[in-house]
C-alpha atoms as a PDB file:
ATOM      1  CA  MET A   1       4.137  14.242  -8.712  1.00  0.00           C
ATOM      2  CA  VAL A   2       1.514  12.247  -6.805  1.00  0.00           C
ATOM      3  CA  ARG A   3       0.608   8.991  -8.526  1.00  0.00           C
ATOM      4  CA  ASP A   4      -3.128   8.567  -8.915  1.00  0.00           C
ATOM      5  CA  LEU A   5      -4.488   5.028  -8.909  1.00  0.00           C
ATOM      6  CA  TYR A   6      -7.307   5.818 -11.325  1.00  0.00           C
ATOM      7  CA  MET A   7      -6.643   8.378 -14.035  1.00  0.00           C
ATOM      8  CA  PHE A   8      -7.985   9.476 -17.394  1.00  0.00           C
ATOM      9  CA  SER A   9      -5.962  10.048 -20.536  1.00  0.00           C
ATOM     10  CA  ARG A  10      -6.603  13.598 -21.734  1.00  0.00           C
ATOM     11  CA  VAL A  11      -3.650  14.324 -24.040  1.00  0.00           C
ATOM     12  CA  ASN A  12      -5.415  13.467 -27.288  1.00  0.00           C
ATOM     13  CA  GLU A  13      -9.115  12.929 -26.719  1.00  0.00           C
ATOM     14  CA  LYS A  14      -9.648  12.028 -30.373  1.00  0.00           C
ATOM     15  CA  ALA A  15      -7.370   8.984 -30.049  1.00  0.00           C
ATOM     16  CA  ASP A  16      -8.224   5.522 -28.723  1.00  0.00           C
ATOM     17  CA  VAL A  17      -6.754   4.489 -25.377  1.00  0.00           C
ATOM     18  CA  VAL A  18      -5.389   0.957 -25.763  1.00  0.00           C
ATOM     19  CA  TRP A  19      -3.903  -1.149 -22.960  1.00  0.00           C
ATOM     20  CA  PHE A  20      -1.333  -3.903 -23.347  1.00  0.00           C
ATOM     21  CA  LYS A  21      -0.248  -6.554 -20.860  1.00  0.00           C
ATOM     22  CA  ILE A  22       2.968  -8.134 -22.104  1.00  0.00           C
ATOM     23  CA  ALA A  23       4.737 -11.148 -20.595  1.00  0.00           C
ATOM     24  CA  TYR A  24       8.368 -11.246 -21.655  1.00  0.00           C
ATOM     25  CA  GLU A  25      11.637 -13.082 -21.183  1.00  0.00           C
ATOM     26  CA  ASN A  26      13.764 -10.973 -18.858  1.00  0.00           C
ATOM     27  CA  THR A  27      17.006 -10.052 -20.623  1.00  0.00           C
ATOM     28  CA  LEU A  28      19.160  -6.948 -20.455  1.00  0.00           C
ATOM     29  CA  HIS A  29      17.462  -5.467 -23.516  1.00  0.00           C
ATOM     30  CA  SER A  30      13.880  -6.809 -23.270  1.00  0.00           C
ATOM     31  CA  GLU A  31      12.240  -3.643 -21.923  1.00  0.00           C
ATOM     32  CA  ALA A  32      14.165  -1.414 -24.345  1.00  0.00           C
ATOM     33  CA  ASP A  33      13.238  -3.577 -27.326  1.00  0.00           C
ATOM     34  CA  ILE A  34       9.533  -3.537 -26.403  1.00  0.00           C
ATOM     35  CA  THR A  35       9.542   0.217 -25.792  1.00  0.00           C
ATOM     36  CA  SER A  36      11.283   0.802 -29.124  1.00  0.00           C
ATOM     37  CA  PHE A  37       8.649  -1.311 -30.868  1.00  0.00           C
ATOM     38  CA  PHE A  38       5.893   0.993 -29.611  1.00  0.00           C
ATOM     39  CA  ALA A  39       7.861   4.061 -30.678  1.00  0.00           C
ATOM     40  CA  GLU A  40       8.280   2.620 -34.181  1.00  0.00           C
ATOM     41  CA  LYS A  41       4.530   1.956 -34.371  1.00  0.00           C
ATOM     42  CA  GLU A  42       3.844   5.534 -33.229  1.00  0.00           C
ATOM     43  CA  LEU A  43       1.805   4.406 -30.249  1.00  0.00           C
ATOM     44  CA  ASP A  44       2.154   7.041 -27.545  1.00  0.00           C
ATOM     45  CA  ILE A  45       2.726   5.480 -24.119  1.00  0.00           C
ATOM     46  CA  ARG A  46       0.785   7.471 -21.519  1.00  0.00           C
ATOM     47  CA  PHE A  47       1.396   5.232 -18.510  1.00  0.00           C
ATOM     48  CA  ALA A  48       3.369   2.024 -17.963  1.00  0.00           C
ATOM     49  CA  TYR A  49       4.919  -0.142 -15.284  1.00  0.00           C
ATOM     50  CA  LEU A  50       7.245  -3.145 -15.169  1.00  0.00           C
ATOM     51  CA  ASP A  51       7.312  -6.087 -12.769  1.00  0.00           C
ATOM     52  CA  SER A  52       9.817  -8.937 -12.562  1.00  0.00           C
ATOM     53  CA  SER A  53       9.764  -9.358  -8.784  1.00  0.00           C
ATOM     54  CA  GLU A  54       8.117 -12.809  -8.682  1.00  0.00           C
ATOM     55  CA  ASP A  55      10.319 -14.573 -11.237  1.00  0.00           C
ATOM     56  CA  PRO A  56      13.649 -12.952 -12.228  1.00  0.00           C
ATOM     57  CA  THR A  57      13.640 -14.833 -15.558  1.00  0.00           C
ATOM     58  CA  LYS A  58      10.315 -13.339 -16.642  1.00  0.00           C
ATOM     59  CA  GLY A  59       8.724  -9.938 -16.542  1.00  0.00           C
ATOM     60  CA  LYS A  60       5.394  -8.196 -17.025  1.00  0.00           C
ATOM     61  CA  TYR A  61       5.082  -4.909 -18.886  1.00  0.00           C
ATOM     62  CA  VAL A  62       1.719  -3.143 -18.591  1.00  0.00           C
ATOM     63  CA  MET A  63       1.091   0.017 -20.560  1.00  0.00           C
ATOM     64  CA  PHE A  64      -1.673   2.343 -21.644  1.00  0.00           C
ATOM     65  CA  THR A  65      -1.185   3.940 -25.043  1.00  0.00           C
ATOM     66  CA  GLU A  66      -2.964   6.368 -27.322  1.00  0.00           C
ATOM     67  CA  ALA A  67      -3.497   5.251 -30.917  1.00  0.00           C
ATOM     68  CA  GLU A  68      -5.100   6.979 -33.863  1.00  0.00           C
ATOM     69  CA  LYS A  69      -8.678   5.780 -34.308  1.00  0.00           C
ATOM     70  CA  GLY A  70      -8.970   3.058 -36.889  1.00  0.00           C
ATOM     71  CA  ARG A  71      -5.478   1.596 -36.337  1.00  0.00           C
ATOM     72  CA  ASP A  72      -5.268  -2.178 -36.752  1.00  0.00           C
ATOM     73  CA  ILE A  73      -4.260  -2.952 -33.175  1.00  0.00           C
ATOM     74  CA  ASP A  74      -4.731  -6.696 -33.573  1.00  0.00           C
ATOM     75  CA  SER A  75      -2.006  -6.845 -36.242  1.00  0.00           C
ATOM     76  CA  ILE A  76       0.287  -4.741 -34.059  1.00  0.00           C
ATOM     77  CA  ALA A  77      -0.295  -7.090 -31.111  1.00  0.00           C
ATOM     78  CA  GLN A  78       0.455 -10.139 -33.269  1.00  0.00           C
ATOM     79  CA  GLU A  79       3.695  -8.557 -34.502  1.00  0.00           C
ATOM     80  CA  LEU A  80       4.606  -7.704 -30.915  1.00  0.00           C
ATOM     81  CA  GLU A  81       3.985 -11.293 -29.812  1.00  0.00           C
ATOM     82  CA  ASN A  82       6.329 -12.544 -32.548  1.00  0.00           C
ATOM     83  CA  MET A  83       9.285 -10.714 -30.989  1.00  0.00           C
ATOM     84  CA  ASP A  84      11.937 -13.083 -29.603  1.00  0.00           C
ATOM     85  CA  VAL A  85      11.707 -11.729 -26.046  1.00  0.00           C
ATOM     86  CA  VAL A  86       7.886 -11.631 -25.874  1.00  0.00           C
ATOM     87  CA  LEU A  87       6.041 -14.623 -24.383  1.00  0.00           C
ATOM     88  CA  SER A  88       2.428 -13.446 -24.634  1.00  0.00           C
ATOM     89  CA  VAL A  89       0.349 -10.325 -25.284  1.00  0.00           C
ATOM     90  CA  LYS A  90      -3.078  -9.303 -24.077  1.00  0.00           C
ATOM     91  CA  TRP A  91      -4.669  -6.043 -25.136  1.00  0.00           C
ATOM     92  CA  GLY A  92      -7.936  -4.138 -25.177  1.00  0.00           C
ATOM     93  CA  TYR A  93      -9.584  -0.739 -25.460  1.00  0.00           C
ATOM     94  CA  SER A  94     -10.240   1.490 -22.472  1.00  0.00           C
ATOM     95  CA  LYS A  95     -13.621   2.741 -23.673  1.00  0.00           C
ATOM     96  CA  ASN A  96     -13.879   5.528 -21.107  1.00  0.00           C
ATOM     97  CA  ARG A  97     -10.204   6.518 -21.421  1.00  0.00           C
ATOM     98  CA  ALA A  98      -9.485   5.291 -17.884  1.00  0.00           C
ATOM     99  CA  ILE A  99      -5.986   4.278 -16.789  1.00  0.00           C
ATOM    100  CA  GLN A 100      -5.531   1.951 -13.805  1.00  0.00           C
ATOM    101  CA  SER A 101      -2.059   2.186 -12.307  1.00  0.00           C
ATOM    102  CA  VAL A 102      -2.317  -1.089 -10.360  1.00  0.00           C
ATOM    103  CA  ASP A 103      -3.080  -4.561 -11.639  1.00  0.00           C
ATOM    104  CA  PHE A 104      -6.231  -6.507 -10.793  1.00  0.00           C
ATOM    105  CA  PRO A 105      -6.766  -8.270  -8.483  1.00  0.00           C
ATOM    106  CA  LEU A 106      -4.770  -6.208  -5.996  1.00  0.00           C
ATOM    107  CA  GLN A 107      -2.860  -7.922  -3.188  1.00  0.00           C
ATOM    108  CA  LEU A 108      -1.233  -6.580  -0.033  1.00  0.00           C
ATOM    109  CA  LEU A 109       0.825  -8.865   2.215  1.00  0.00           C
ATOM    110  CA  SER A 110      -0.216 -11.816   0.011  1.00  0.00           C
ATOM    111  CA  LYS A 111      -3.941 -11.261   0.672  1.00  0.00           C
ATOM    112  CA  ARG A 112      -6.658  -9.853  -1.579  1.00  0.00           C
ATOM    113  CA  ALA A 113      -6.805  -6.101  -1.047  1.00  0.00           C
ATOM    114  CA  VAL A 114      -9.028  -3.221  -2.062  1.00  0.00           C
ATOM    115  CA  ILE A 115      -8.271   0.463  -2.279  1.00  0.00           C
ATOM    116  CA  ILE A 116     -10.486   2.964  -0.515  1.00  0.00           C
ATOM    117  CA  ARG A 117     -10.064   6.685  -0.086  1.00  0.00           C
ATOM    118  CA  ALA A 118      -8.932   7.950   3.301  1.00  0.00           C
ATOM    119  CA  LYS A 119     -12.245   9.789   3.588  1.00  0.00           C
ATOM    120  CA  THR A 120     -14.151   6.502   3.332  1.00  0.00           C
ATOM    121  CA  PHE A 121     -12.004   4.951   6.082  1.00  0.00           C
ATOM    122  CA  VAL A 122     -12.605   7.956   8.330  1.00  0.00           C
ATOM    123  CA  ASP A 123     -16.333   7.889   7.560  1.00  0.00           C
ATOM    124  CA  ILE A 124     -16.439   4.270   8.777  1.00  0.00           C
ATOM    125  CA  ILE A 125     -14.676   5.243  12.013  1.00  0.00           C
ATOM    126  CA  ASN A 126     -17.004   8.201  12.572  1.00  0.00           C
ATOM    127  CA  ILE A 127     -20.098   6.035  12.073  1.00  0.00           C
ATOM    128  CA  MET A 128     -18.676   3.459  14.490  1.00  0.00           C
ATOM    129  CA  ASN A 129     -18.097   6.197  17.058  1.00  0.00           C
ATOM    130  CA  GLU A 130     -21.675   7.402  16.671  1.00  0.00           C
ATOM    131  CA  GLN A 131     -23.467   4.057  16.533  1.00  0.00           C
ATOM    132  CA  VAL A 132     -21.360   1.400  18.282  1.00  0.00           C
ATOM    133  CA  PRO A 133     -20.954   1.228  22.080  1.00  0.00           C
ATOM    134  CA  GLN A 134     -17.298   1.156  23.171  1.00  0.00           C
ATOM    135  CA  SER A 135     -16.223   1.778  19.587  1.00  0.00           C
ATOM    136  CA  GLU A 136     -12.747   2.882  20.650  1.00  0.00           C
ATOM    137  CA  GLY A 137     -12.109  -0.532  22.219  1.00  0.00           C
ATOM    138  CA  LEU A 138     -13.360  -2.274  19.089  1.00  0.00           C
ATOM    139  CA  LEU A 139     -11.131  -0.141  16.865  1.00  0.00           C
ATOM    140  CA  THR A 140      -8.195  -0.896  19.177  1.00  0.00           C
ATOM    141  CA  MET A 141      -8.724  -4.640  18.879  1.00  0.00           C
ATOM    142  CA  ILE A 142      -9.001  -4.408  15.086  1.00  0.00           C
ATOM    143  CA  GLY A 143      -5.766  -2.411  14.882  1.00  0.00           C
ATOM    144  CA  ILE A 144      -3.881  -4.806  17.170  1.00  0.00           C
ATOM    145  CA  ARG A 145      -5.063  -7.823  15.210  1.00  0.00           C
ATOM    146  CA  ASN A 146      -4.137  -6.240  11.885  1.00  0.00           C
ATOM    147  CA  GLY A 147      -0.699  -5.189  13.127  1.00  0.00           C
ATOM    148  CA  SER A 148      -0.002  -8.620  14.573  1.00  0.00           C
ATOM    149  CA  GLY A 149      -1.038 -10.301  11.325  1.00  0.00           C
ATOM    150  CA  ALA A 150       1.170  -7.990   9.258  1.00  0.00           C
ATOM    151  CA  ALA A 151       4.157  -8.859  11.455  1.00  0.00           C
ATOM    152  CA  ARG A 152       3.586 -12.604  11.092  1.00  0.00           C
ATOM    153  CA  TYR A 153       3.402 -12.354   7.315  1.00  0.00           C
ATOM    154  CA  MET A 154       6.561 -10.253   7.059  1.00  0.00           C
ATOM    155  CA  GLN A 155       8.436 -12.658   9.330  1.00  0.00           C
ATOM    156  CA  GLU A 156       7.620 -15.417   6.834  1.00  0.00           C
ATOM    157  CA  MET A 157       8.638 -13.388   3.793  1.00  0.00           C
ATOM    158  CA  THR A 158      11.862 -11.661   4.854  1.00  0.00           C
ATOM    159  CA  GLU A 159      14.564 -11.662   7.490  1.00  0.00           C
ATOM    160  CA  MET A 160      13.409  -9.561  10.440  1.00  0.00           C
ATOM    161  CA  ASN A 161      15.332  -8.688  13.564  1.00  0.00           C
ATOM    162  CA  ASP A 162      15.393  -6.102  16.344  1.00  0.00           C
ATOM    163  CA  ASP A 163      17.341  -3.703  14.120  1.00  0.00           C
ATOM    164  CA  ASN A 164      15.124  -3.669  11.031  1.00  0.00           C
ATOM    165  CA  PHE A 165      11.545  -4.550  12.003  1.00  0.00           C
ATOM    166  CA  LEU A 166      10.431  -0.931  12.349  1.00  0.00           C
ATOM    167  CA  ASP A 167      12.254   0.071   9.166  1.00  0.00           C
ATOM    168  CA  LEU A 168      10.272  -2.633   7.351  1.00  0.00           C
ATOM    169  CA  LEU A 169       7.075  -1.268   8.862  1.00  0.00           C
ATOM    170  CA  GLY A 170       7.962   2.197   7.597  1.00  0.00           C
ATOM    171  CA  GLU A 171       8.306   0.828   4.075  1.00  0.00           C
ATOM    172  CA  LEU A 172       4.933  -0.926   4.413  1.00  0.00           C
ATOM    173  CA  PHE A 173       3.247   2.273   5.618  1.00  0.00           C
ATOM    174  CA  MET A 174       4.604   4.232   2.653  1.00  0.00           C
ATOM    175  CA  ALA A 175       3.591   1.496   0.189  1.00  0.00           C
ATOM    176  CA  ALA A 176       0.055   1.465   1.626  1.00  0.00           C
ATOM    177  CA  GLY A 177      -0.184   5.267   1.647  1.00  0.00           C
ATOM    178  CA  TRP A 178      -0.558   5.537   5.431  1.00  0.00           C
ATOM    179  CA  GLY A 179       2.262   7.998   6.082  1.00  0.00           C
ATOM    180  CA  LYS A 180       5.989   8.250   6.784  1.00  0.00           C
ATOM    181  CA  ILE A 181       7.551   7.224  10.090  1.00  0.00           C
ATOM    182  CA  ASP A 182      10.793   7.502  11.987  1.00  0.00           C
ATOM    183  CA  HIS A 183      11.393   5.891  15.353  1.00  0.00           C
ATOM    184  CA  GLU A 184      13.435   5.479  18.499  1.00  0.00           C
ATOM    185  CA  ILE A 185      13.030   2.344  20.593  1.00  0.00           C
ATOM    186  CA  ASN A 186      14.782   0.746  23.559  1.00  0.00           C
ATOM    187  CA  ILE A 187      14.238  -2.967  23.020  1.00  0.00           C
ATOM    188  CA  SER A 188      15.268  -4.041  26.518  1.00  0.00           C
ATOM    189  CA  GLU A 189      12.998  -1.547  28.279  1.00  0.00           C
ATOM    190  CA  LEU A 190      10.202  -1.682  25.668  1.00  0.00           C
ATOM    191  CA  THR A 191      10.041   2.102  25.473  1.00  0.00           C
ATOM    192  CA  GLY A 192      10.274   4.512  22.590  1.00  0.00           C
ATOM    193  CA  THR A 193       8.411   6.675  20.111  1.00  0.00           C
ATOM    194  CA  VAL A 194       7.203   6.378  16.553  1.00  0.00           C
ATOM    195  CA  ARG A 195       6.739   9.711  14.801  1.00  0.00           C
ATOM    196  CA  MET A 196       4.533   9.896  11.726  1.00  0.00           C
ATOM    197  CA  THR A 197       4.234  12.640   9.141  1.00  0.00           C
ATOM    198  CA  ASP A 198       1.415  12.819   6.592  1.00  0.00           C
ATOM    199  CA  SER A 199      -0.810  10.431   8.552  1.00  0.00           C
ATOM    200  CA  PHE A 200      -3.769   9.609   6.340  1.00  0.00           C
ATOM    201  CA  LEU A 201      -6.071   9.550   9.373  1.00  0.00           C
ATOM    202  CA  ALA A 202      -4.980  12.865  10.866  1.00  0.00           C
ATOM    203  CA  ASP A 203      -5.030  14.594   7.478  1.00  0.00           C
ATOM    204  CA  GLU A 204      -8.555  13.407   6.754  1.00  0.00           C
ATOM    205  CA  PHE A 205     -10.014  13.905  10.236  1.00  0.00           C
ATOM    206  CA  GLY A 206      -9.045  17.564  10.223  1.00  0.00           C
ATOM    207  CA  ASP A 207      -9.265  19.632  13.405  1.00  0.00           C
ATOM    208  CA  SER A 208      -9.920  17.624  16.549  1.00  0.00           C
ATOM    209  CA  ASP A 209      -9.720  18.059  20.322  1.00  0.00           C
ATOM    210  CA  VAL A 210      -8.426  14.509  20.794  1.00  0.00           C
ATOM    211  CA  PRO A 211      -5.897  12.340  18.923  1.00  0.00           C
ATOM    212  CA  SER A 212      -7.432  10.775  15.826  1.00  0.00           C
ATOM    213  CA  CYS A 213      -4.963   7.975  15.004  1.00  0.00           C
ATOM    214  CA  ILE A 214      -6.139   5.337  17.511  1.00  0.00           C
ATOM    215  CA  TYR A 215      -6.178   2.679  14.802  1.00  0.00           C
ATOM    216  CA  ILE A 216      -2.533   3.381  13.894  1.00  0.00           C
ATOM    217  CA  SER A 217      -1.468   3.304  17.582  1.00  0.00           C
ATOM    218  CA  SER A 218      -3.194  -0.067  17.931  1.00  0.00           C
ATOM    219  CA  PHE A 219      -1.651  -1.386  14.724  1.00  0.00           C
ATOM    220  CA  LEU A 220       1.772  -0.398  16.052  1.00  0.00           C
ATOM    221  CA  ALA A 221       1.069  -2.158  19.363  1.00  0.00           C
ATOM    222  CA  GLY A 222       0.099  -5.388  17.606  1.00  0.00           C
ATOM    223  CA  TYR A 223       3.012  -5.240  15.188  1.00  0.00           C
ATOM    224  CA  ILE A 224       5.680  -4.476  17.795  1.00  0.00           C
ATOM    225  CA  SER A 225       4.325  -7.028  20.285  1.00  0.00           C
ATOM    226  CA  GLU A 226       4.337  -9.761  17.635  1.00  0.00           C
ATOM    227  CA  CYS A 227       7.852  -8.899  16.455  1.00  0.00           C
ATOM    228  CA  LEU A 228       9.386  -8.748  19.945  1.00  0.00           C
ATOM    229  CA  LYS A 229       7.224 -11.496  21.495  1.00  0.00           C
ATOM    230  CA  LYS A 230       6.638  -9.095  24.369  1.00  0.00           C
ATOM    231  CA  THR A 231       3.442  -7.133  24.866  1.00  0.00           C
ATOM    232  CA  VAL A 232       3.612  -3.366  24.512  1.00  0.00           C
ATOM    233  CA  GLN A 233       0.997  -0.646  24.567  1.00  0.00           C
ATOM    234  CA  VAL A 234       1.053   2.399  22.330  1.00  0.00           C
ATOM    235  CA  ARG A 235      -0.738   5.705  22.800  1.00  0.00           C
ATOM    236  CA  GLU A 236      -0.761   8.808  20.650  1.00  0.00           C
ATOM    237  CA  SER A 237       0.708  11.761  22.553  1.00  0.00           C
ATOM    238  CA  ARG A 238       0.676  14.286  19.717  1.00  0.00           C
ATOM    239  CA  CYS A 239      -1.537  14.432  16.639  1.00  0.00           C
ATOM    240  CA  LYS A 240      -1.609  16.642  13.580  1.00  0.00           C
ATOM    241  CA  SER A 241      -5.390  16.856  13.872  1.00  0.00           C
ATOM    242  CA  MET A 242      -4.859  18.632  17.237  1.00  0.00           C
ATOM    243  CA  GLY A 243      -2.535  21.219  15.704  1.00  0.00           C
ATOM    244  CA  ASP A 244       0.770  19.410  16.249  1.00  0.00           C
ATOM    245  CA  GLU A 245       3.287  19.276  13.416  1.00  0.00           C
ATOM    246  CA  ILE A 246       3.504  15.479  13.550  1.00  0.00           C
ATOM    247  CA  CYS A 247       1.716  12.504  15.069  1.00  0.00           C
ATOM    248  CA  GLU A 248       3.723  10.881  17.853  1.00  0.00           C
ATOM    249  CA  HIS A 249       3.030   7.409  19.242  1.00  0.00           C
ATOM    250  CA  VAL A 250       4.610   6.493  22.591  1.00  0.00           C
ATOM    251  CA  ILE A 251       5.609   2.877  23.230  1.00  0.00           C
ATOM    252  CA  SER A 252       5.626   1.450  26.762  1.00  0.00           C
ATOM    253  CA  PRO A 253       5.459  -2.016  28.395  1.00  0.00           C
ATOM    254  CA  ALA A 254       1.981  -3.439  28.907  1.00  0.00           C
ATOM    255  CA  PRO A 255       0.877  -3.957  32.533  1.00  0.00           C
ATOM    256  CA  ALA A 256       2.282  -7.060  34.205  1.00  0.00           C
ATOM    257  CA  GLY A 257       0.478 -10.236  33.188  1.00  0.00           C
ATOM    258  CA  VAL A 258      -1.089  -8.826  30.014  1.00  0.00           C
ATOM    259  CA  LYS A 259      -0.192 -10.739  26.855  1.00  0.00           C
ATOM    260  CA  ILE A 260      -1.033  -9.942  23.259  1.00  0.00           C
ATOM    261  CA  GLU A 261      -3.444 -12.902  23.034  1.00  0.00           C
ATOM    262  CA  HIS A 262      -5.372 -11.469  26.002  1.00  0.00           C
ATOM    263  CA  VAL A 263      -5.738  -8.147  24.230  1.00  0.00           C
ATOM    264  CA  LEU A 264      -6.892  -9.849  21.036  1.00  0.00           C
ATOM    265  CA  ARG A 265      -9.558 -11.718  22.998  1.00  0.00           C
ATOM    266  CA  GLY A 266     -10.660  -8.520  24.720  1.00  0.00           C
ATOM    267  CA  GLU A 267      -9.359  -9.583  28.134  1.00  0.00           C
ATOM    268  CA  SER A 268      -7.573  -7.227  30.513  1.00  0.00           C
ATOM    269  CA  HIS A 269      -5.438  -9.908  32.196  1.00  0.00           C
END
């Protein structure tokens, strides 16, 4: 089942939709005790998620519930907060029955992030192509810069090496909803391929006579160059928008004398 980031509770439209944000002490039974509490109070949980990734001693439990209109939610929240494992409780009504499946503000790679639909992203690219001279070069520079920045952040946050840096990128792409990748790369020769299925760009562009994932090729070039400290170029040889089953990005060494900082400054050498 595809997880939607913005949903509406439609199970019992006569009930109130109430959200809870619970900070708790992370023990073996904390989550079970909190879930059991809601079952005892006959509050139907429609969506929930847990997070204890930042501090293993503490956790956050966010849930959206349906409650019979007129229920004294404040008393329920106070009773919940008095549980031994609970540190604090925030709650409120979702007046329009909306359920947000991510917390606010959203972050990606430690920076403030926003979510846009793939169609909006493609609309921006199409307008650039129509209105901006040399838009492909501009999009290439943006992709390279973004890929390079992502690599630098991940190098700070986790152990990266020649064996896992593309696997980590694949996990990032899936988390961001970009697509799924597999890869083959010869580190010494700086050659290889990255194959992507379900590319958000190709799927949204639809039928095209030319490859549509220039931004992703450029992102790959920036990311790989930053990780290997050697400049590579990446071009898309196959694209789903052209009728191919997958999108394929070919990695090759950049021309002699070209460094990633030259590309980022828009220089050719």
